[in-house]
């Protein structure tokens, strides 16, 4: 069984390498030219840091608030029935649709980026958190209630530990959503970030630099998801 897992992982790594080679080859960009362009990218480190900080702030805040709001809706069925149509309405609006409104309301800069990122992530996060709370086995909650555990103690000592592995998995999904949205969000008047630089190189027709930034975004997305997966497994093992 372990040998099969190792074989599939090795195959997956080679598949990933193959995918990273297809894009430059399709544009007839040689590896020499690609590495030469890479050595001249003075802004790459700063752009990575800028994009990561924006995603971390928006995803982290949206995820934490969704845990609270989702739990509140889980406990209050009337409020859930009242707000559920609105939540689904906002959840199904494309991030790109918010761009002109963000500019009108907040101008250009960091504020509209945070708004677009947050509103894109927050409403799906609430739906996810709500479904996670509802998946907790009812018999465990009834047993805790019989033993005198209620209110905040029930949430903190019973429901939260049981929900945490799935909430961490939800964070992985939300991070991926934010990682895919950052390119559009960084169109809104900033001068740093992977998305901004990618669009800037498009206008300058620097396709080698565009390919490098695309590859960086893809590889970093894989590595970050792998990192969050490790954290999720550790939490699952601790809970179980």
Foldseek 3Di string as FASTA:
>chain_A
DVVVVVVVVVVVVVVLVVVLVVVCVVVVHDPVNLVVVVVVPPFVVVQVVVLVVLLCVQLVVLLVVLLVLLVVCLVPVVVCVVCVVVLVVLQPDDLLVCVVVLCVVPNFDSRSLSVSLNSNQNSVSNVQSNVLLVPPDPVQLVVCVVVPQDDPRCVPVPRCLSSVLSSLVSSLVSSVVSLVCNLSSVVRHDDHHLNNVLVVCVVVVVVSVNSVSVSVSVVVNVVVSVVSVVVSVVSVVVSD
